[in-house]
Amino acid sequence: MPPALQRVRIWDLPTRLFHWLLAASVIGSIVSAKIGGNAMVWHFRLGYAILALLAFRILWGLVGGHWSRFVRFVYSPATLLRYLSGKQREGEYLEVGHTPTGALSVFALLGIIALQVATGLVADDEIANTGPLIKFVSGSTSSLATGWHKGWGQWLIIGLVVLHIAAIVFYLLKKRQNLVGPMLSGDKVVPEGVPASTDGAGTRALAAALLAGCAGGVAWLVSLGG
């Protein structure tokens, strides 16, 4: 007989808010950069917001809800190959949180975004905008960072975002799996026995404190530029 199904909290509220705030901030930063001019003020602000969100996600990947922790979606090459060949073992639950392929996409996107923010902190468009930490690097380093930030960096992010959306559409149309719904509600219908993520008031208070600390850390970092 097929296993009984149950509705389980998979994505805690802090993870869901991080996801949507990061998506909105990345899109806003791309749009503001394309507009230029006075919109660059918002480009910088959104960049600082993205940095705070990334710092928060690193911490939340260590202490967050069950399915938000890195240990739950850092897969070995053998597990990835087994997943691609459809040979999932009993009790692995590879389709519950981030799948092995989805995890690769997540880490790639977070890594590229982090690199984009880092290069933006020391970039110089030679017109009116310079990163707040530019005084800490040489001119050649700033030039390399600027070239990446305005070239490969932004296009890789756009490409990964498009790939991310394409994967969501593929899962919806081909596998009949709605990946967006659970990231809105937090819940998924899964086989009985799948552990739930803690998502109570205490967990959310911890997340708020961590995010506030990350925001404060980013403000301090930016202030070093004078």
N, C-alpha and C. Protein backbone atom coordinates (compact mmCIF):
# COMPACT_ATOMS: atom_id res chain seq x y z
N MET A 1 0.84 -1.19 0.00
CA MET A 1 0.00 0.00 0.00
C MET A 1 0.88 1.25 0.00
N PRO A 2 0.44 2.31 -0.69
CA PRO A 2 1.22 3.56 -0.69
C PRO A 2 1.22 4.15 0.71
N PRO A 3 2.30 4.85 1.09
CA PRO A 3 2.38 5.42 2.43
C PRO A 3 1.33 6.50 2.65
N ALA A 4 0.87 6.62 3.89
CA ALA A 4 -0.10 7.66 4.23
C ALA A 4 0.56 9.03 4.08
N LEU A 5 -0.25 10.02 3.73
CA LEU A 5 0.28 11.37 3.52
C LEU A 5 -0.14 12.28 4.65
N GLN A 6 0.66 13.29 4.89
CA GLN A 6 0.35 14.28 5.92
C GLN A 6 0.86 15.64 5.49
N ARG A 7 0.26 16.69 6.01
CA ARG A 7 0.71 18.05 5.73
C ARG A 7 1.71 18.45 6.81
N VAL A 8 2.91 18.83 6.36
CA VAL A 8 4.02 19.10 7.27
C VAL A 8 4.63 20.47 6.98
N ARG A 9 5.02 21.19 8.03
CA ARG A 9 5.72 22.46 7.86
C ARG A 9 7.17 22.15 7.42
N ILE A 10 7.47 22.51 6.18
CA ILE A 10 8.80 22.28 5.61
C ILE A 10 9.64 23.56 5.67
N TRP A 11 9.08 24.66 5.17
CA TRP A 11 9.82 25.93 5.14
C TRP A 11 9.32 26.84 6.25
N ASP A 12 10.17 27.11 7.23
CA ASP A 12 9.80 28.01 8.32
C ASP A 12 9.64 29.43 7.78
N LEU A 13 8.97 30.27 8.54
CA LEU A 13 8.68 31.63 8.08
C LEU A 13 9.96 32.43 7.78
N PRO A 14 11.00 32.37 8.62
CA PRO A 14 12.22 33.11 8.29
C PRO A 14 12.82 32.71 6.94
N THR A 15 12.80 31.44 6.61
CA THR A 15 13.33 30.98 5.32
C THR A 15 12.50 31.52 4.18
N ARG A 16 11.18 31.49 4.36
CA ARG A 16 10.30 31.99 3.30
C ARG A 16 10.49 33.49 3.10
N LEU A 17 10.57 34.24 4.17
CA LEU A 17 10.78 35.69 4.05
C LEU A 17 12.12 35.99 3.39
N PHE A 18 13.15 35.24 3.79
CA PHE A 18 14.46 35.42 3.17
C PHE A 18 14.37 35.21 1.67
N HIS A 19 13.71 34.14 1.26
CA HIS A 19 13.59 33.81 -0.16
C HIS A 19 12.97 34.94 -0.95
N TRP A 20 11.83 35.44 -0.49
CA TRP A 20 11.11 36.46 -1.24
C TRP A 20 11.77 37.83 -1.15
N LEU A 21 12.36 38.15 0.00
CA LEU A 21 13.07 39.42 0.13
C LEU A 21 14.32 39.44 -0.74
N LEU A 22 15.02 38.30 -0.79
CA LEU A 22 16.21 38.23 -1.64
C LEU A 22 15.82 38.36 -3.11
N ALA A 23 14.76 37.67 -3.52
CA ALA A 23 14.31 37.75 -4.91
C ALA A 23 13.95 39.19 -5.28
N ALA A 24 13.19 39.86 -4.41
CA ALA A 24 12.78 41.24 -4.69
C ALA A 24 13.99 42.17 -4.71
N SER A 25 14.93 41.95 -3.80
CA SER A 25 16.11 42.82 -3.73
C SER A 25 17.01 42.64 -4.94
N VAL A 26 17.19 41.41 -5.39
CA VAL A 26 18.03 41.15 -6.56
C VAL A 26 17.41 41.77 -7.81
N ILE A 27 16.11 41.56 -7.99
CA ILE A 27 15.43 42.15 -9.14
C ILE A 27 15.51 43.67 -9.09
N GLY A 28 15.28 44.23 -7.91
CA GLY A 28 15.36 45.68 -7.75
C GLY A 28 16.74 46.23 -8.02
N SER A 29 17.77 45.50 -7.61
CA SER A 29 19.14 45.97 -7.84
C SER A 29 19.49 45.94 -9.33
N ILE A 30 19.00 44.92 -10.03
CA ILE A 30 19.26 44.83 -11.47
C ILE A 30 18.55 45.98 -12.20
N VAL A 31 17.29 46.20 -11.85
CA VAL A 31 16.51 47.26 -12.50
C VAL A 31 17.12 48.63 -12.21
N SER A 32 17.48 48.88 -10.96
CA SER A 32 18.03 50.19 -10.60
C SER A 32 19.37 50.43 -11.30
N ALA A 33 20.17 49.37 -11.48
CA ALA A 33 21.45 49.52 -12.19
C ALA A 33 21.22 49.87 -13.65
N LYS A 34 20.20 49.26 -14.25
CA LYS A 34 19.90 49.53 -15.65
C LYS A 34 19.37 50.97 -15.83
N ILE A 35 18.61 51.45 -14.85
CA ILE A 35 18.09 52.82 -14.93
C ILE A 35 19.22 53.82 -14.73
N GLY A 36 20.08 53.55 -13.74
CA GLY A 36 21.21 54.44 -13.47
C GLY A 36 20.75 55.76 -12.88
N GLY A 37 21.63 56.75 -12.92
CA GLY A 37 21.29 58.07 -12.41
C GLY A 37 20.93 58.05 -10.94
N ASN A 38 19.84 58.71 -10.58
CA ASN A 38 19.41 58.78 -9.19
C ASN A 38 19.01 57.41 -8.63
N ALA A 39 18.66 56.47 -9.52
CA ALA A 39 18.27 55.14 -9.07
C ALA A 39 19.44 54.38 -8.46
N MET A 40 20.66 54.83 -8.69
CA MET A 40 21.82 54.15 -8.13
C MET A 40 21.85 54.22 -6.60
N VAL A 41 21.16 55.21 -6.04
CA VAL A 41 21.06 55.26 -4.58
C VAL A 41 20.38 54.00 -4.08
N TRP A 42 19.31 53.60 -4.79
CA TRP A 42 18.61 52.39 -4.41
C TRP A 42 19.40 51.14 -4.77
N HIS A 43 20.21 51.21 -5.78
CA HIS A 43 21.06 50.09 -6.13
C HIS A 43 22.00 49.76 -4.97
N PHE A 44 22.58 50.80 -4.37
CA PHE A 44 23.46 50.59 -3.23
C PHE A 44 22.69 50.09 -2.02
N ARG A 45 21.54 50.69 -1.76
CA ARG A 45 20.75 50.27 -0.60
C ARG A 45 20.32 48.80 -0.72
N LEU A 46 19.91 48.44 -1.90
CA LEU A 46 19.50 47.05 -2.11
C LEU A 46 20.69 46.11 -2.01
N GLY A 47 21.86 46.57 -2.44
CA GLY A 47 23.05 45.75 -2.30
C GLY A 47 23.38 45.49 -0.84
N TYR A 48 23.23 46.50 0.01
CA TYR A 48 23.47 46.33 1.44
C TYR A 48 22.42 45.37 2.04
N ALA A 49 21.18 45.50 1.59
CA ALA A 49 20.12 44.61 2.07
C ALA A 49 20.43 43.17 1.68
N ILE A 50 20.90 42.98 0.45
CA ILE A 50 21.24 41.64 -0.01
C ILE A 50 22.37 41.05 0.83
N LEU A 51 23.37 41.86 1.14
CA LEU A 51 24.48 41.38 1.96
C LEU A 51 23.99 40.95 3.34
N ALA A 52 23.11 41.72 3.94
CA ALA A 52 22.56 41.36 5.25
C ALA A 52 21.75 40.06 5.16
N LEU A 53 20.98 39.91 4.09
CA LEU A 53 20.19 38.70 3.90
C LEU A 53 21.08 37.48 3.71
N LEU A 54 22.16 37.63 2.96
CA LEU A 54 23.07 36.51 2.74
C LEU A 54 23.74 36.09 4.05
N ALA A 55 24.15 37.08 4.84
CA ALA A 55 24.77 36.77 6.14
C ALA A 55 23.77 36.04 7.03
N PHE A 56 22.52 36.51 7.01
CA PHE A 56 21.48 35.85 7.80
C PHE A 56 21.29 34.40 7.34
N ARG A 57 21.28 34.18 6.02
CA ARG A 57 21.02 32.82 5.52
C ARG A 57 22.14 31.86 5.90
N ILE A 58 23.36 32.35 5.96
CA ILE A 58 24.46 31.50 6.40
C ILE A 58 24.23 31.06 7.84
N LEU A 59 23.86 32.00 8.70
CA LEU A 59 23.60 31.66 10.09
C LEU A 59 22.38 30.76 10.22
N TRP A 60 21.35 31.07 9.44
CA TRP A 60 20.12 30.29 9.51
C TRP A 60 20.34 28.88 8.97
N GLY A 61 21.29 28.74 8.10
CA GLY A 61 21.64 27.40 7.58
C GLY A 61 22.28 26.52 8.64
N LEU A 62 22.66 27.13 9.76
CA LEU A 62 23.26 26.38 10.87
C LEU A 62 22.26 26.13 12.00
N VAL A 63 21.35 27.08 12.22
CA VAL A 63 20.46 26.97 13.38
C VAL A 63 18.98 27.03 13.02
N GLY A 64 18.64 27.12 11.75
CA GLY A 64 17.24 27.28 11.34
C GLY A 64 16.44 26.00 11.42
N GLY A 65 15.26 26.04 10.80
CA GLY A 65 14.39 24.87 10.78
C GLY A 65 15.05 23.67 10.11
N HIS A 66 14.51 22.50 10.39
CA HIS A 66 15.10 21.23 9.94
C HIS A 66 15.49 21.25 8.46
N TRP A 67 14.58 21.67 7.58
CA TRP A 67 14.84 21.58 6.15
C TRP A 67 15.58 22.80 5.61
N SER A 68 15.81 23.80 6.47
CA SER A 68 16.55 24.98 6.05
C SER A 68 18.04 24.87 6.35
N ARG A 69 18.43 23.87 7.12
CA ARG A 69 19.83 23.72 7.50
C ARG A 69 20.64 23.13 6.36
N PHE A 70 21.86 23.62 6.22
CA PHE A 70 22.73 23.16 5.14
C PHE A 70 22.94 21.66 5.19
N VAL A 71 23.00 21.11 6.39
CA VAL A 71 23.26 19.68 6.52
C VAL A 71 22.17 18.86 5.85
N ARG A 72 21.00 19.45 5.64
CA ARG A 72 19.89 18.72 5.01
C ARG A 72 19.94 18.77 3.49
N PHE A 73 20.75 19.67 2.92
CA PHE A 73 20.80 19.69 1.45
C PHE A 73 22.21 19.86 0.90
N VAL A 74 23.19 19.39 1.65
CA VAL A 74 24.54 19.23 1.11
C VAL A 74 24.69 17.75 0.81
N TYR A 75 24.59 17.41 -0.46
CA TYR A 75 24.55 16.01 -0.87
C TYR A 75 25.89 15.54 -1.43
N SER A 76 26.17 14.28 -1.26
CA SER A 76 27.39 13.70 -1.82
C SER A 76 27.19 13.46 -3.31
N PRO A 77 28.28 13.35 -4.08
CA PRO A 77 28.16 13.04 -5.51
C PRO A 77 27.38 11.75 -5.75
N ALA A 78 27.56 10.77 -4.87
CA ALA A 78 26.85 9.50 -5.03
C ALA A 78 25.34 9.69 -4.89
N THR A 79 24.94 10.52 -3.94
CA THR A 79 23.51 10.80 -3.76
C THR A 79 22.94 11.53 -4.96
N LEU A 80 23.71 12.48 -5.50
CA LEU A 80 23.28 13.22 -6.68
C LEU A 80 23.07 12.27 -7.86
N LEU A 81 24.02 11.38 -8.08
CA LEU A 81 23.91 10.43 -9.19
C LEU A 81 22.73 9.49 -8.98
N ARG A 82 22.53 9.06 -7.74
CA ARG A 82 21.41 8.16 -7.44
C ARG A 82 20.08 8.87 -7.68
N TYR A 83 20.03 10.15 -7.33
CA TYR A 83 18.80 10.92 -7.54
C TYR A 83 18.52 11.08 -9.04
N LEU A 84 19.56 11.39 -9.80
CA LEU A 84 19.39 11.57 -11.24
C LEU A 84 18.96 10.29 -11.94
N SER A 85 19.36 9.16 -11.37
CA SER A 85 18.99 7.87 -11.97
C SER A 85 17.68 7.33 -11.40
N GLY A 86 17.06 8.08 -10.49
CA GLY A 86 15.77 7.68 -9.93
C GLY A 86 15.85 6.55 -8.93
N LYS A 87 16.98 6.39 -8.27
CA LYS A 87 17.17 5.30 -7.33
C LYS A 87 17.23 5.82 -5.89
N GLN A 88 16.22 6.51 -5.50
CA GLN A 88 16.16 7.08 -4.15
C GLN A 88 15.99 5.98 -3.12
N ARG A 89 16.76 6.06 -2.04
CA ARG A 89 16.68 5.08 -0.97
C ARG A 89 15.54 5.42 -0.01
N GLU A 90 15.07 4.41 0.67
CA GLU A 90 13.99 4.62 1.63
C GLU A 90 14.47 5.52 2.76
N GLY A 91 13.68 6.54 3.08
CA GLY A 91 14.02 7.42 4.18
C GLY A 91 14.92 8.59 3.80
N GLU A 92 15.28 8.72 2.52
CA GLU A 92 16.14 9.83 2.12
C GLU A 92 15.37 11.14 1.96
N TYR A 93 14.13 11.07 1.52
CA TYR A 93 13.28 12.24 1.36
C TYR A 93 13.94 13.32 0.50
N LEU A 94 14.47 12.93 -0.64
CA LEU A 94 15.20 13.87 -1.49
C LEU A 94 14.30 14.88 -2.18
N GLU A 95 13.00 14.63 -2.20
CA GLU A 95 12.07 15.53 -2.86
C GLU A 95 11.36 16.47 -1.88
N VAL A 96 11.67 16.36 -0.60
CA VAL A 96 10.93 17.13 0.40
C VAL A 96 11.43 18.57 0.49
N GLY A 97 12.71 18.75 0.80
CA GLY A 97 13.29 20.09 0.85
C GLY A 97 13.91 20.44 -0.47
N HIS A 98 15.17 20.86 -0.45
CA HIS A 98 15.89 21.10 -1.69
C HIS A 98 16.38 19.75 -2.25
N THR A 99 16.03 19.46 -3.48
CA THR A 99 16.54 18.25 -4.12
C THR A 99 18.04 18.41 -4.38
N PRO A 100 18.74 17.32 -4.69
CA PRO A 100 20.17 17.44 -5.00
C PRO A 100 20.47 18.42 -6.12
N THR A 101 19.67 18.43 -7.18
CA THR A 101 19.89 19.40 -8.26
C THR A 101 19.47 20.79 -7.83
N GLY A 102 18.39 20.87 -7.05
CA GLY A 102 17.95 22.17 -6.55
C GLY A 102 18.97 22.78 -5.61
N ALA A 103 19.62 21.94 -4.82
CA ALA A 103 20.64 22.42 -3.89
C ALA A 103 21.82 23.02 -4.65
N LEU A 104 22.21 22.38 -5.76
CA LEU A 104 23.29 22.93 -6.57
C LEU A 104 22.92 24.32 -7.09
N SER A 105 21.68 24.47 -7.52
CA SER A 105 21.20 25.75 -8.02
C SER A 105 21.22 26.81 -6.93
N VAL A 106 20.79 26.42 -5.73
CA VAL A 106 20.74 27.35 -4.60
C VAL A 106 22.15 27.84 -4.25
N PHE A 107 23.08 26.91 -4.12
CA PHE A 107 24.44 27.29 -3.74
C PHE A 107 25.11 28.12 -4.83
N ALA A 108 24.85 27.78 -6.08
CA ALA A 108 25.43 28.56 -7.18
C ALA A 108 24.90 29.99 -7.17
N LEU A 109 23.60 30.12 -6.99
CA LEU A 109 22.98 31.45 -7.00
C LEU A 109 23.46 32.29 -5.81
N LEU A 110 23.51 31.68 -4.62
CA LEU A 110 23.97 32.42 -3.45
C LEU A 110 25.43 32.81 -3.58
N GLY A 111 26.24 31.91 -4.14
CA GLY A 111 27.65 32.21 -4.31
C GLY A 111 27.90 33.34 -5.29
N ILE A 112 27.20 33.31 -6.41
CA ILE A 112 27.37 34.36 -7.42
C ILE A 112 26.85 35.70 -6.89
N ILE A 113 25.74 35.67 -6.18
CA ILE A 113 25.20 36.91 -5.61
C ILE A 113 26.18 37.48 -4.59
N ALA A 114 26.77 36.62 -3.76
CA ALA A 114 27.73 37.08 -2.76
C ALA A 114 28.94 37.71 -3.44
N LEU A 115 29.42 37.09 -4.51
CA LEU A 115 30.55 37.65 -5.25
C LEU A 115 30.19 38.99 -5.89
N GLN A 116 28.96 39.09 -6.37
CA GLN A 116 28.51 40.33 -6.98
C GLN A 116 28.46 41.47 -5.96
N VAL A 117 27.97 41.17 -4.77
CA VAL A 117 27.92 42.18 -3.72
C VAL A 117 29.34 42.58 -3.31
N ALA A 118 30.21 41.59 -3.15
CA ALA A 118 31.58 41.87 -2.73
C ALA A 118 32.31 42.76 -3.73
N THR A 119 32.13 42.48 -5.01
CA THR A 119 32.79 43.32 -6.02
C THR A 119 32.17 44.71 -6.06
N GLY A 120 30.87 44.80 -5.78
CA GLY A 120 30.22 46.11 -5.77
C GLY A 120 30.73 47.00 -4.66
N LEU A 121 31.18 46.41 -3.56
CA LEU A 121 31.68 47.19 -2.44
C LEU A 121 32.96 47.95 -2.77
N VAL A 122 33.68 47.47 -3.79
CA VAL A 122 34.95 48.12 -4.15
C VAL A 122 34.97 48.56 -5.62
N ALA A 123 33.80 48.63 -6.24
CA ALA A 123 33.73 48.99 -7.66
C ALA A 123 33.77 50.51 -7.85
N ASP A 124 34.08 50.92 -9.08
CA ASP A 124 34.14 52.34 -9.44
C ASP A 124 33.71 52.48 -10.88
N ASP A 125 32.58 53.16 -11.11
CA ASP A 125 32.10 53.31 -12.49
C ASP A 125 32.75 54.48 -13.21
N GLU A 126 33.66 55.18 -12.50
CA GLU A 126 34.41 56.30 -13.07
C GLU A 126 33.50 57.43 -13.56
N ILE A 127 32.31 57.49 -13.00
CA ILE A 127 31.38 58.57 -13.33
C ILE A 127 30.97 59.29 -12.04
N ALA A 128 30.16 58.61 -11.24
CA ALA A 128 29.69 59.25 -10.01
C ALA A 128 29.54 58.29 -8.85
N ASN A 129 29.78 57.00 -9.09
CA ASN A 129 29.50 56.01 -8.05
C ASN A 129 30.73 55.14 -7.76
N THR A 130 31.03 55.02 -6.48
CA THR A 130 32.11 54.14 -6.04
C THR A 130 31.63 53.33 -4.86
N GLY A 131 32.13 52.13 -4.74
CA GLY A 131 31.78 51.29 -3.60
C GLY A 131 32.30 51.88 -2.30
N PRO A 132 31.63 51.61 -1.19
CA PRO A 132 32.01 52.23 0.08
C PRO A 132 33.37 51.77 0.61
N LEU A 133 33.86 50.64 0.15
CA LEU A 133 35.13 50.12 0.66
C LEU A 133 36.27 50.23 -0.35
N ILE A 134 36.09 51.09 -1.32
CA ILE A 134 37.07 51.18 -2.40
C ILE A 134 38.45 51.62 -1.90
N LYS A 135 38.50 52.36 -0.80
CA LYS A 135 39.79 52.85 -0.32
C LYS A 135 40.68 51.75 0.24
N PHE A 136 40.10 50.56 0.43
CA PHE A 136 40.87 49.46 1.00
C PHE A 136 41.51 48.57 -0.06
N VAL A 137 41.30 48.87 -1.35
CA VAL A 137 41.89 48.05 -2.41
C VAL A 137 42.65 48.95 -3.37
N SER A 138 43.51 48.32 -4.16
CA SER A 138 44.29 49.06 -5.15
C SER A 138 43.41 49.41 -6.35
N GLY A 139 43.92 50.31 -7.17
CA GLY A 139 43.18 50.69 -8.36
C GLY A 139 42.96 49.53 -9.31
N SER A 140 43.98 48.67 -9.44
CA SER A 140 43.86 47.52 -10.35
C SER A 140 42.83 46.53 -9.83
N THR A 141 42.80 46.33 -8.51
CA THR A 141 41.81 45.42 -7.93
C THR A 141 40.40 45.97 -8.13
N SER A 142 40.24 47.28 -7.91
CA SER A 142 38.94 47.91 -8.12
C SER A 142 38.51 47.79 -9.57
N SER A 143 39.45 47.93 -10.48
CA SER A 143 39.12 47.83 -11.90
C SER A 143 38.65 46.42 -12.26
N LEU A 144 39.33 45.41 -11.72
CA LEU A 144 38.91 44.02 -11.97
C LEU A 144 37.53 43.76 -11.38
N ALA A 145 37.31 44.27 -10.16
CA ALA A 145 36.02 44.07 -9.51
C ALA A 145 34.91 44.75 -10.29
N THR A 146 35.19 45.95 -10.78
CA THR A 146 34.19 46.70 -11.56
C THR A 146 33.85 45.97 -12.85
N GLY A 147 34.89 45.45 -13.52
CA GLY A 147 34.65 44.72 -14.76
C GLY A 147 33.77 43.51 -14.54
N TRP A 148 34.03 42.78 -13.45
CA TRP A 148 33.20 41.61 -13.15
C TRP A 148 31.77 42.04 -12.79
N HIS A 149 31.67 43.06 -11.94
CA HIS A 149 30.37 43.50 -11.45
C HIS A 149 29.46 43.97 -12.58
N LYS A 150 30.01 44.67 -13.54
CA LYS A 150 29.21 45.22 -14.64
C LYS A 150 29.10 44.26 -15.83
N GLY A 151 29.93 43.21 -15.83
CA GLY A 151 29.94 42.29 -16.95
C GLY A 151 29.42 40.90 -16.59
N TRP A 152 30.36 39.96 -16.43
CA TRP A 152 29.99 38.57 -16.18
C TRP A 152 29.10 38.40 -14.96
N GLY A 153 29.37 39.16 -13.91
CA GLY A 153 28.61 38.99 -12.67
C GLY A 153 27.12 39.16 -12.85
N GLN A 154 26.73 40.29 -13.44
CA GLN A 154 25.30 40.55 -13.59
C GLN A 154 24.64 39.57 -14.55
N TRP A 155 25.35 39.17 -15.60
CA TRP A 155 24.74 38.26 -16.56
C TRP A 155 24.62 36.84 -16.02
N LEU A 156 25.57 36.44 -15.17
CA LEU A 156 25.46 35.13 -14.53
C LEU A 156 24.27 35.09 -13.59
N ILE A 157 24.06 36.18 -12.86
CA ILE A 157 22.91 36.24 -11.96
C ILE A 157 21.61 36.18 -12.74
N ILE A 158 21.53 36.96 -13.80
CA ILE A 158 20.32 36.94 -14.63
C ILE A 158 20.10 35.54 -15.20
N GLY A 159 21.17 34.90 -15.66
CA GLY A 159 21.05 33.56 -16.21
C GLY A 159 20.58 32.55 -15.18
N LEU A 160 21.13 32.63 -13.96
CA LEU A 160 20.73 31.69 -12.92
C LEU A 160 19.30 31.93 -12.46
N VAL A 161 18.88 33.20 -12.45
CA VAL A 161 17.49 33.50 -12.10
C VAL A 161 16.54 32.90 -13.14
N VAL A 162 16.89 33.08 -14.41
CA VAL A 162 16.07 32.51 -15.48
C VAL A 162 16.03 30.98 -15.37
N LEU A 163 17.18 30.37 -15.08
CA LEU A 163 17.25 28.92 -14.92
C LEU A 163 16.40 28.47 -13.73
N HIS A 164 16.42 29.24 -12.67
CA HIS A 164 15.63 28.94 -11.48
C HIS A 164 14.14 28.94 -11.82
N ILE A 165 13.72 29.97 -12.54
CA ILE A 165 12.30 30.06 -12.93
C ILE A 165 11.93 28.92 -13.88
N ALA A 166 12.83 28.59 -14.80
CA ALA A 166 12.58 27.50 -15.74
C ALA A 166 12.42 26.18 -15.00
N ALA A 167 13.21 25.97 -13.96
CA ALA A 167 13.10 24.74 -13.18
C ALA A 167 11.75 24.67 -12.47
N ILE A 168 11.27 25.80 -11.96
CA ILE A 168 9.97 25.84 -11.30
C ILE A 168 8.86 25.47 -12.29
N VAL A 169 8.95 26.02 -13.49
CA VAL A 169 7.95 25.72 -14.53
C VAL A 169 8.03 24.25 -14.93
N PHE A 170 9.26 23.72 -15.07
CA PHE A 170 9.44 22.31 -15.43
C PHE A 170 8.81 21.39 -14.40
N TYR A 171 9.06 21.65 -13.13
CA TYR A 171 8.51 20.81 -12.08
C TYR A 171 6.98 20.89 -12.06
N LEU A 172 6.45 22.07 -12.37
CA LEU A 172 5.01 22.23 -12.35
C LEU A 172 4.35 21.50 -13.52
N LEU A 173 4.92 21.64 -14.72
CA LEU A 173 4.30 21.08 -15.92
C LEU A 173 4.62 19.61 -16.13
N LYS A 174 5.86 19.22 -15.85
CA LYS A 174 6.29 17.85 -16.13
C LYS A 174 6.14 16.90 -14.95
N LYS A 175 6.45 17.40 -13.75
CA LYS A 175 6.39 16.53 -12.58
C LYS A 175 5.17 16.78 -11.71
N ARG A 176 4.36 17.77 -12.10
CA ARG A 176 3.15 18.12 -11.35
C ARG A 176 3.47 18.45 -9.90
N GLN A 177 4.58 19.12 -9.69
CA GLN A 177 4.97 19.55 -8.34
C GLN A 177 5.02 21.07 -8.29
N ASN A 178 4.27 21.64 -7.38
CA ASN A 178 4.23 23.09 -7.21
C ASN A 178 5.30 23.49 -6.19
N LEU A 179 6.38 24.10 -6.65
CA LEU A 179 7.44 24.50 -5.74
C LEU A 179 7.20 25.86 -5.11
N VAL A 180 6.34 26.66 -5.74
CA VAL A 180 6.07 28.01 -5.24
C VAL A 180 5.12 27.98 -4.05
N GLY A 181 4.10 27.14 -4.13
CA GLY A 181 3.10 27.06 -3.06
C GLY A 181 3.71 26.84 -1.68
N PRO A 182 4.55 25.81 -1.50
CA PRO A 182 5.16 25.58 -0.19
C PRO A 182 6.05 26.73 0.28
N MET A 183 6.65 27.48 -0.66
CA MET A 183 7.48 28.60 -0.25
C MET A 183 6.62 29.81 0.16
N LEU A 184 5.32 29.72 -0.11
CA LEU A 184 4.37 30.74 0.36
C LEU A 184 3.72 30.33 1.67
N SER A 185 3.22 29.10 1.72
CA SER A 185 2.51 28.62 2.92
C SER A 185 3.44 27.98 3.94
N GLY A 186 4.53 27.42 3.45
CA GLY A 186 5.46 26.72 4.32
C GLY A 186 5.21 25.23 4.42
N ASP A 187 4.04 24.78 3.97
CA ASP A 187 3.66 23.38 4.15
C ASP A 187 3.69 22.58 2.85
N LYS A 188 3.94 21.27 2.99
CA LYS A 188 3.86 20.35 1.87
C LYS A 188 3.15 19.09 2.34
N VAL A 189 2.49 18.44 1.39
CA VAL A 189 1.88 17.14 1.66
C VAL A 189 2.93 16.09 1.34
N VAL A 190 3.37 15.37 2.35
CA VAL A 190 4.49 14.44 2.22
C VAL A 190 4.13 13.12 2.89
N PRO A 191 4.93 12.06 2.64
CA PRO A 191 4.67 10.78 3.29
C PRO A 191 4.76 10.88 4.81
N GLU A 192 3.99 10.09 5.48
CA GLU A 192 4.00 10.06 6.94
C GLU A 192 5.40 9.70 7.44
N GLY A 193 5.84 10.39 8.46
CA GLY A 193 7.17 10.13 9.01
C GLY A 193 8.19 11.18 8.66
N VAL A 194 7.87 12.04 7.69
CA VAL A 194 8.80 13.12 7.33
C VAL A 194 8.83 14.14 8.46
N PRO A 195 10.02 14.47 8.97
CA PRO A 195 10.10 15.43 10.09
C PRO A 195 9.73 16.84 9.66
N ALA A 196 9.16 17.58 10.58
CA ALA A 196 8.76 18.96 10.31
C ALA A 196 9.82 19.93 10.80
N SER A 197 9.81 21.14 10.23
CA SER A 197 10.69 22.20 10.68
C SER A 197 10.03 22.96 11.82
N THR A 198 10.80 23.27 12.84
CA THR A 198 10.29 24.09 13.94
C THR A 198 10.03 25.51 13.43
N ASP A 199 8.84 26.04 13.76
CA ASP A 199 8.48 27.36 13.22
C ASP A 199 7.59 28.10 14.19
N GLY A 200 7.99 28.10 15.45
CA GLY A 200 7.19 28.76 16.47
C GLY A 200 7.68 30.17 16.76
N ALA A 201 7.12 30.77 17.79
CA ALA A 201 7.46 32.15 18.15
C ALA A 201 8.93 32.27 18.54
N GLY A 202 9.45 31.28 19.24
CA GLY A 202 10.85 31.32 19.64
C GLY A 202 11.79 31.29 18.46
N THR A 203 11.47 30.43 17.48
CA THR A 203 12.29 30.33 16.27
C THR A 203 12.27 31.65 15.50
N ARG A 204 11.12 32.25 15.39
CA ARG A 204 10.99 33.50 14.65
C ARG A 204 11.68 34.66 15.37
N ALA A 205 11.62 34.65 16.70
CA ALA A 205 12.32 35.69 17.47
C ALA A 205 13.83 35.57 17.28
N LEU A 206 14.33 34.33 17.27
CA LEU A 206 15.75 34.11 17.04
C LEU A 206 16.15 34.63 15.66
N ALA A 207 15.32 34.33 14.66
CA ALA A 207 15.61 34.78 13.30
C ALA A 207 15.63 36.30 13.22
N ALA A 208 14.68 36.96 13.89
CA ALA A 208 14.63 38.42 13.88
C ALA A 208 15.88 39.01 14.52
N ALA A 209 16.35 38.39 15.62
CA ALA A 209 17.55 38.87 16.29
C ALA A 209 18.78 38.69 15.39
N LEU A 210 18.85 37.55 14.72
CA LEU A 210 19.98 37.29 13.83
C LEU A 210 20.00 38.27 12.66
N LEU A 211 18.81 38.52 12.08
CA LEU A 211 18.74 39.45 10.96
C LEU A 211 19.11 40.86 11.40
N ALA A 212 18.65 41.26 12.57
CA ALA A 212 19.01 42.59 13.09
C ALA A 212 20.52 42.69 13.29
N GLY A 213 21.12 41.62 13.80
CA GLY A 213 22.56 41.61 13.98
C GLY A 213 23.30 41.69 12.66
N CYS A 214 22.80 40.98 11.66
CA CYS A 214 23.42 41.01 10.33
C CYS A 214 23.31 42.40 9.71
N ALA A 215 22.14 43.02 9.86
CA ALA A 215 21.95 44.38 9.34
C ALA A 215 22.90 45.36 10.02
N GLY A 216 23.05 45.20 11.33
CA GLY A 216 23.98 46.05 12.05
C GLY A 216 25.41 45.83 11.61
N GLY A 217 25.75 44.58 11.35
CA GLY A 217 27.10 44.26 10.88
C GLY A 217 27.39 44.87 9.52
N VAL A 218 26.40 44.85 8.64
CA VAL A 218 26.57 45.45 7.31
C VAL A 218 26.71 46.96 7.44
N ALA A 219 25.91 47.57 8.29
CA ALA A 219 26.00 49.02 8.50
C ALA A 219 27.39 49.40 9.02
N TRP A 220 27.91 48.60 9.93
CA TRP A 220 29.27 48.86 10.47
C TRP A 220 30.31 48.71 9.36
N LEU A 221 30.17 47.66 8.55
CA LEU A 221 31.12 47.41 7.48
C LEU A 221 31.16 48.58 6.49
N VAL A 222 29.98 49.03 6.10
CA VAL A 222 29.89 50.14 5.14
C VAL A 222 30.47 51.41 5.75
N SER A 223 30.29 51.60 7.05
CA SER A 223 30.78 52.81 7.71
C SER A 223 32.30 52.89 7.72
N LEU A 224 32.97 51.77 7.54
CA LEU A 224 34.43 51.77 7.52
C LEU A 224 34.99 52.59 6.36
N GLY A 225 34.16 52.75 5.33
CA GLY A 225 34.59 53.53 4.18
C GLY A 225 34.58 55.02 4.45
N GLY A 226 33.99 55.42 5.54
CA GLY A 226 33.97 56.84 5.89
C GLY A 226 32.87 57.62 5.19
